[in-house]
Amino acid sequence: MKPSALSCTVALIFTAMIGQSAATAGNEPIQPITSAKVTNPALVELGKKLYFDPRLSKSGFISCNSCHNLSMGGTDNIKTSIGHHWQEGPINAPTVLNSSLNLAQFWDGRAADLQAQAGGPIANPGEMGFSHTLAVGMLQTIPGYVAEFKKAFGSDQIDIDKVTKAIAAFEETLVTPNSRFDQWLKGNKRAISKDELAGYQLFKKTGCIACHNGPAVGGNSFQKMGQVEAYKASSPAEGRFAVTGKEADRFNFKVPTLRNVEMTYPYFHDGAANTLTEAVDTMARIQLGKRFTPEENAKVVAFLKTLTGDQPAFRLPILPPSSDSTPRPTPFDRK
């Protein structure tokens, strides 16, 4: 066989192998995450500044990043977040990473999308403690923000709809592609180890995949916490029942994404599980009636750690300075 013919044959075999790998990945219940596509850079840049700006809180101390820290997996790694006047929240802060893939926002799904969610904490007396009117009024006194809103929206008029739209646009970029498991899905069978693959097989065989599937490995359904065995929560949250008022929705929560799950401890809506080992043990028992051996648990945990993708990387925003007319923060008792 001539060298050129040999090269063609190798190329054809390689192409066939890639096609077969792609077909295999297409049959899996989990799909790779794709990188975000930015269509309005000015809007995203404005949203990034607003996300990091603590002046959107009454105290001038709390920003979106306080509870959804982008250096810590998009959450705060504490059981429940601390809000205005040092109030402890009733529920664990879910990660903002890959949140654009969720069917709805908040554990109970009361916000239809990221824009609807973005306005909630600003006006919540237990979170940022401000109001939409005061937040917009504050932004209007900052010349740098007025100019950025005009650049992003074509108008220097600021309202809460534009504020939340900008924050949501930035949050939509916070996806984490290229995890080792995504590389495996795309055909690189050396991307995960034998034990990690065994953990994935257990994850599917046991039934975890019924709720944790799709690109976000969750986030696309509401499920009852405690299908087989009742769960004794340390949080008063009642899940979808608080939104719909239907008894059938009591303790139904949005299934959390498992992307970057090794970074988003503690786990569950009440933050009761401090480790992945504990979380896997509890979920297998109360949701599926399964008791993993320590070896099985370790393999599932090993698989879950392969879901950590490339974290958002960007230059921290320099926030526009307040003007003389910008209202100063309202201090609160620190006792």
Protein backbone atom coordinates (compact mmCIF):
# COMPACT_ATOMS: atom_id res chain seq x y z
CA MET A 1 0.00 0.00 0.00
CA LYS A 2 1.33 3.45 -0.92
CA PRO A 3 2.04 5.90 1.95
CA SER A 4 -0.69 8.23 0.73
CA ALA A 5 -3.23 5.38 0.69
CA LEU A 6 -2.09 4.29 4.15
CA SER A 7 -2.58 7.84 5.43
CA CYS A 8 -6.09 7.94 3.99
CA THR A 9 -6.95 4.60 5.58
CA VAL A 10 -5.70 5.74 9.01
CA ALA A 11 -7.65 8.97 8.65
CA LEU A 12 -10.83 7.07 7.80
CA ILE A 13 -10.39 4.75 10.79
CA PHE A 14 -9.73 7.73 13.07
CA THR A 15 -12.81 9.52 11.74
CA ALA A 16 -14.91 6.43 12.34
CA MET A 17 -13.61 6.15 15.90
CA ILE A 18 -14.44 9.80 16.59
CA GLY A 19 -17.91 9.28 15.15
CA GLN A 20 -18.44 6.22 17.32
CA SER A 21 -17.28 8.10 20.42
CA ALA A 22 -19.62 10.97 19.62
CA ALA A 23 -22.49 8.57 19.14
CA THR A 24 -21.70 6.95 22.50
CA ALA A 25 -21.65 10.35 24.21
CA GLY A 26 -24.97 11.16 22.55
CA ASN A 27 -26.51 8.10 24.21
CA GLU A 28 -25.48 9.19 27.71
CA PRO A 29 -28.06 10.90 29.98
CA ILE A 30 -25.55 13.67 30.72
CA GLN A 31 -24.40 16.08 28.01
CA PRO A 32 -21.30 18.30 27.90
CA ILE A 33 -21.61 21.96 28.79
CA THR A 34 -20.89 24.42 26.00
CA SER A 35 -19.06 27.71 26.44
CA ALA A 36 -21.10 30.89 26.77
CA LYS A 37 -21.54 33.11 23.73
CA VAL A 38 -21.54 36.83 24.46
CA THR A 39 -23.63 38.89 22.04
CA ASN A 40 -23.64 42.18 23.98
CA PRO A 41 -20.26 42.72 25.71
CA ALA A 42 -21.30 46.11 27.12
CA LEU A 43 -24.35 44.58 28.80
CA VAL A 44 -22.31 41.74 30.29
CA GLU A 45 -19.64 44.15 31.56
CA LEU A 46 -22.30 46.31 33.20
CA GLY A 47 -23.88 43.23 34.76
CA LYS A 48 -20.52 42.13 36.11
CA LYS A 49 -20.05 45.46 37.87
CA LEU A 50 -23.53 45.36 39.34
CA TYR A 51 -22.94 41.76 40.49
CA PHE A 52 -19.91 42.84 42.50
CA ASP A 53 -21.26 46.20 43.71
CA PRO A 54 -22.19 46.22 47.44
CA ARG A 55 -23.88 49.61 47.02
CA LEU A 56 -26.94 47.70 45.83
CA SER A 57 -27.44 46.78 49.48
CA LYS A 58 -28.66 49.12 52.22
CA SER A 59 -25.53 48.57 54.28
CA GLY A 60 -23.16 49.01 51.35
CA PHE A 61 -21.60 45.75 52.48
CA ILE A 62 -23.41 42.93 50.64
CA SER A 63 -23.21 42.19 46.92
CA CYS A 64 -24.46 39.31 44.79
CA ASN A 65 -20.97 37.88 45.12
CA SER A 66 -21.28 37.77 48.91
CA CYS A 67 -23.57 34.75 48.80
CA HIS A 68 -22.57 33.52 45.33
CA ASN A 69 -18.82 33.88 45.54
CA LEU A 70 -17.21 33.19 42.18
CA SER A 71 -13.97 32.21 43.90
CA MET A 72 -15.81 29.49 45.82
CA GLY A 73 -17.89 27.64 43.26
CA GLY A 74 -20.55 30.34 43.02
CA THR A 75 -21.76 29.90 46.59
CA ASP A 76 -20.60 30.86 50.10
CA ASN A 77 -19.78 27.44 51.59
CA ILE A 78 -21.80 28.04 54.75
CA LYS A 79 -25.00 26.33 55.86
CA THR A 80 -27.21 29.35 55.27
CA SER A 81 -26.15 32.80 54.10
CA ILE A 82 -25.75 35.89 56.27
CA GLY A 83 -27.79 38.86 55.15
CA HIS A 84 -28.65 42.41 56.19
CA HIS A 85 -28.23 43.18 59.89
CA TRP A 86 -26.39 39.83 60.27
CA GLN A 87 -29.59 37.88 59.73
CA GLU A 88 -29.14 34.18 59.04
CA GLY A 89 -31.10 33.03 56.00
CA PRO A 90 -33.51 30.09 56.10
CA ILE A 91 -31.98 28.17 53.21
CA ASN A 92 -28.65 27.23 51.64
CA ALA A 93 -27.44 29.49 48.82
CA PRO A 94 -27.41 27.49 45.55
CA THR A 95 -24.53 27.98 43.16
CA VAL A 96 -24.86 30.63 40.47
CA LEU A 97 -22.56 28.64 38.17
CA ASN A 98 -24.49 27.09 35.27
CA SER A 99 -27.70 28.50 36.77
CA SER A 100 -28.80 29.56 33.28
CA LEU A 101 -29.43 25.86 32.64
CA ASN A 102 -32.03 25.59 35.43
CA LEU A 103 -35.73 25.28 34.63
CA ALA A 104 -36.36 28.01 37.24
CA GLN A 105 -34.48 29.86 39.97
CA PHE A 106 -34.43 29.49 43.79
CA TRP A 107 -34.92 26.14 45.49
CA ASP A 108 -38.70 26.51 45.19
CA GLY A 109 -38.60 27.78 41.61
CA ARG A 110 -40.45 31.00 42.40
CA ALA A 111 -38.42 32.95 39.82
CA ALA A 112 -38.90 31.90 36.21
CA ASP A 113 -35.44 32.99 35.06
CA LEU A 114 -32.22 34.70 36.09
CA GLN A 115 -33.60 38.20 35.51
CA ALA A 116 -36.55 37.52 37.81
CA GLN A 117 -34.19 36.11 40.41
CA ALA A 118 -31.76 39.03 40.30
CA GLY A 119 -34.22 41.52 41.72
CA GLY A 120 -35.24 39.38 44.68
CA PRO A 121 -32.25 39.70 47.03
CA ILE A 122 -31.92 43.48 46.53
CA ALA A 123 -35.37 44.14 48.02
CA ASN A 124 -35.38 41.29 50.53
CA PRO A 125 -35.08 42.75 54.08
CA GLY A 126 -33.23 39.64 55.17
CA GLU A 127 -30.71 39.71 52.33
CA MET A 128 -29.55 43.03 50.87
CA GLY A 129 -32.18 45.04 52.74
CA PHE A 130 -32.68 47.72 50.10
CA SER A 131 -35.54 48.52 47.73
CA HIS A 132 -35.65 48.67 43.96
CA THR A 133 -36.49 52.38 44.05
CA LEU A 134 -33.57 53.21 46.31
CA ALA A 135 -31.17 51.01 44.32
CA VAL A 136 -32.10 52.67 41.04
CA GLY A 137 -31.90 56.12 42.64
CA MET A 138 -28.41 55.35 43.92
CA LEU A 139 -27.21 54.21 40.48
CA GLN A 140 -28.57 57.37 38.84
CA THR A 141 -26.27 59.50 41.02
CA ILE A 142 -23.14 57.74 39.71
CA PRO A 143 -22.00 59.26 36.37
CA GLY A 144 -19.98 56.18 35.46
CA TYR A 145 -23.03 53.95 35.72
CA VAL A 146 -25.22 56.39 33.78
CA ALA A 147 -22.70 56.23 30.94
CA GLU A 148 -22.51 52.42 31.06
CA PHE A 149 -26.29 52.02 30.99
CA LYS A 150 -26.39 54.29 27.93
CA LYS A 151 -23.69 52.20 26.26
CA ALA A 152 -25.49 48.93 26.99
CA PHE A 153 -29.09 50.02 26.39
CA GLY A 154 -28.83 53.11 24.19
CA SER A 155 -30.43 55.24 26.89
CA ASP A 156 -29.16 56.77 30.12
CA GLN A 157 -32.49 56.11 31.83
CA ILE A 158 -32.05 53.49 34.56
CA ASP A 159 -34.77 51.23 35.92
CA ILE A 160 -34.85 47.95 37.80
CA ASP A 161 -35.68 46.00 34.65
CA LYS A 162 -32.42 47.12 33.06
CA VAL A 163 -30.49 46.44 36.28
CA THR A 164 -31.74 42.86 36.52
CA LYS A 165 -31.35 42.27 32.79
CA ALA A 166 -27.68 43.28 33.00
CA ILE A 167 -27.00 41.09 36.03
CA ALA A 168 -28.70 38.14 34.31
CA ALA A 169 -26.62 38.70 31.16
CA PHE A 170 -23.44 38.42 33.21
CA GLU A 171 -24.70 35.36 35.09
CA GLU A 172 -25.47 33.65 31.78
CA THR A 173 -21.74 33.68 31.06
CA LEU A 174 -20.95 31.78 34.27
CA VAL A 175 -20.82 28.31 32.76
CA THR A 176 -18.12 25.74 33.47
CA PRO A 177 -17.27 23.65 30.39
CA ASN A 178 -14.39 21.25 29.85
CA SER A 179 -14.72 19.14 32.99
CA ARG A 180 -12.87 15.84 32.87
CA PHE A 181 -16.21 14.08 32.55
CA ASP A 182 -17.12 16.30 29.60
CA GLN A 183 -13.83 15.35 27.99
CA TRP A 184 -14.76 11.70 28.53
CA LEU A 185 -18.19 12.30 26.97
CA LYS A 186 -16.47 13.80 23.95
CA GLY A 187 -14.38 10.69 23.40
CA ASN A 188 -11.28 11.04 25.58
CA LYS A 189 -11.58 7.79 27.50
CA ARG A 190 -8.41 8.55 29.47
CA ALA A 191 -9.96 11.67 31.00
CA ILE A 192 -11.39 9.76 33.96
CA SER A 193 -10.00 6.85 35.97
CA LYS A 194 -11.30 3.31 36.32
CA ASP A 195 -12.80 4.06 39.75
CA GLU A 196 -14.39 7.28 38.50
CA LEU A 197 -15.99 5.42 35.62
CA ALA A 198 -17.19 2.73 38.03
CA GLY A 199 -18.72 5.52 40.12
CA TYR A 200 -20.58 6.82 37.08
CA GLN A 201 -21.89 3.34 36.32
CA LEU A 202 -23.12 3.06 39.93
CA PHE A 203 -24.65 6.53 39.65
CA LYS A 204 -26.67 5.34 36.66
CA LYS A 205 -27.44 1.81 37.88
CA THR A 206 -28.67 2.94 41.30
CA GLY A 207 -31.04 5.52 39.83
CA CYS A 208 -29.35 8.83 40.71
CA ILE A 209 -29.46 9.67 37.01
CA ALA A 210 -33.27 9.82 37.05
CA CYS A 211 -33.07 13.29 38.65
CA HIS A 212 -29.49 14.31 37.94
CA ASN A 213 -29.24 14.37 34.16
CA GLY A 214 -28.82 16.77 31.25
CA PRO A 215 -25.98 19.29 30.78
CA ALA A 216 -26.26 20.61 34.36
CA VAL A 217 -26.60 17.10 35.85
CA GLY A 218 -29.75 18.37 37.55
CA GLY A 219 -31.65 21.64 37.71
CA ASN A 220 -34.34 20.50 35.27
CA SER A 221 -37.04 19.12 37.60
CA PHE A 222 -38.63 19.41 41.05
CA GLN A 223 -38.52 16.36 43.29
CA LYS A 224 -39.64 15.51 46.79
CA MET A 225 -36.90 15.44 49.40
CA GLY A 226 -37.38 12.02 50.99
CA GLN A 227 -39.05 9.73 48.45
CA VAL A 228 -38.38 6.49 50.32
CA GLU A 229 -37.53 7.70 53.81
CA ALA A 230 -38.69 10.96 55.40
CA TYR A 231 -36.05 13.67 55.60
CA LYS A 232 -35.86 15.69 58.81
CA ALA A 233 -34.79 19.12 57.61
CA SER A 234 -33.25 21.77 59.81
CA SER A 235 -34.78 24.47 57.57
CA PRO A 236 -38.43 25.66 57.67
CA ALA A 237 -38.52 25.81 53.85
CA GLU A 238 -41.44 23.89 52.33
CA GLY A 239 -40.34 23.83 48.69
CA ARG A 240 -42.80 24.27 45.84
CA PHE A 241 -45.71 24.27 48.31
CA ALA A 242 -44.79 27.85 49.23
CA VAL A 243 -45.31 28.83 45.57
CA THR A 244 -48.27 26.71 44.47
CA GLY A 245 -50.09 26.06 47.75
CA LYS A 246 -50.64 22.48 46.62
CA GLU A 247 -50.12 19.82 49.26
CA ALA A 248 -48.58 17.53 46.64
CA ASP A 249 -45.77 20.07 46.24
CA ARG A 250 -44.79 20.15 49.91
CA PHE A 251 -41.05 19.47 50.30
CA ASN A 252 -40.59 19.36 46.53
CA PHE A 253 -37.40 21.23 45.70
CA LYS A 254 -35.57 21.99 42.50
CA VAL A 255 -33.01 19.28 41.91
CA PRO A 256 -29.61 20.98 42.30
CA THR A 257 -26.97 20.85 39.62
CA LEU A 258 -24.07 18.53 40.40
CA ARG A 259 -21.65 20.50 38.27
CA ASN A 260 -18.67 21.61 40.42
CA VAL A 261 -20.33 19.86 43.36
CA GLU A 262 -17.04 19.26 45.16
CA MET A 263 -16.82 23.07 45.53
CA THR A 264 -20.39 23.82 46.62
CA TYR A 265 -20.56 22.30 50.11
CA PRO A 266 -22.47 22.09 52.40
CA TYR A 267 -25.24 20.23 50.62
CA PHE A 268 -29.06 20.12 50.43
CA HIS A 269 -31.49 23.00 50.81
CA ASP A 270 -30.77 23.14 54.55
CA GLY A 271 -27.00 22.74 54.20
CA ALA A 272 -27.11 19.76 56.55
CA ALA A 273 -24.55 17.55 54.74
CA ASN A 274 -21.01 18.84 55.17
CA THR A 275 -19.27 16.38 52.85
CA LEU A 276 -19.95 14.67 49.55
CA THR A 277 -19.59 11.31 51.28
CA GLU A 278 -22.38 12.24 53.69
CA ALA A 279 -24.54 13.69 50.91
CA VAL A 280 -24.21 10.60 48.71
CA ASP A 281 -25.04 8.31 51.64
CA THR A 282 -28.12 10.32 52.62
CA MET A 283 -29.51 10.75 49.11
CA ALA A 284 -29.08 7.07 48.24
CA ARG A 285 -30.90 6.10 51.43
CA ILE A 286 -33.83 8.55 51.49
CA GLN A 287 -34.40 8.88 47.74
CA LEU A 288 -33.60 5.41 46.43
CA GLY A 289 -33.67 3.09 49.44
CA LYS A 290 -30.06 2.12 48.73
CA ARG A 291 -27.22 1.77 51.21
CA PHE A 292 -23.84 2.11 49.54
CA THR A 293 -20.82 0.31 50.94
CA PRO A 294 -17.91 2.61 51.78
CA GLU A 295 -16.18 1.45 48.59
CA GLU A 296 -19.24 2.18 46.46
CA ASN A 297 -19.71 5.57 48.08
CA ALA A 298 -16.07 6.45 47.40
CA LYS A 299 -16.46 5.58 43.73
CA VAL A 300 -19.58 7.72 43.33
CA VAL A 301 -17.83 10.62 45.07
CA ALA A 302 -14.84 10.16 42.77
CA PHE A 303 -17.16 10.41 39.75
CA LEU A 304 -18.84 13.54 41.11
CA LYS A 305 -15.46 15.25 41.38
CA THR A 306 -14.93 14.78 37.64
CA LEU A 307 -17.81 17.24 37.07
CA THR A 308 -15.70 20.26 38.07
CA GLY A 309 -15.22 22.37 34.96
CA ASP A 310 -13.26 25.46 33.99
CA GLN A 311 -14.18 28.19 36.44
CA PRO A 312 -15.14 31.67 35.17
CA ALA A 313 -11.99 33.70 34.58
CA PHE A 314 -12.11 37.45 34.11
CA ARG A 315 -10.60 40.68 35.33
CA LEU A 316 -12.28 41.94 38.50
CA PRO A 317 -14.36 45.02 37.68
CA ILE A 318 -13.34 48.46 38.85
CA LEU A 319 -16.58 50.00 40.06
CA PRO A 320 -17.40 53.61 39.14
CA PRO A 321 -16.95 55.93 42.12
CA SER A 322 -19.87 57.47 43.96
CA SER A 323 -20.58 61.14 43.42
CA ASP A 324 -21.13 63.71 46.17
CA SER A 325 -24.87 63.15 45.82
CA THR A 326 -24.75 59.36 46.09
CA PRO A 327 -26.48 58.24 49.31
CA ARG A 328 -24.03 56.76 51.75
CA PRO A 329 -24.60 53.31 53.25
CA THR A 330 -26.87 52.98 56.27
CA PRO A 331 -24.80 51.45 59.07
CA PHE A 332 -26.30 48.75 61.24
CA ASP A 333 -25.65 47.49 64.74
CA ARG A 334 -22.82 44.97 64.69
CA LYS A 335 -23.50 43.57 68.12
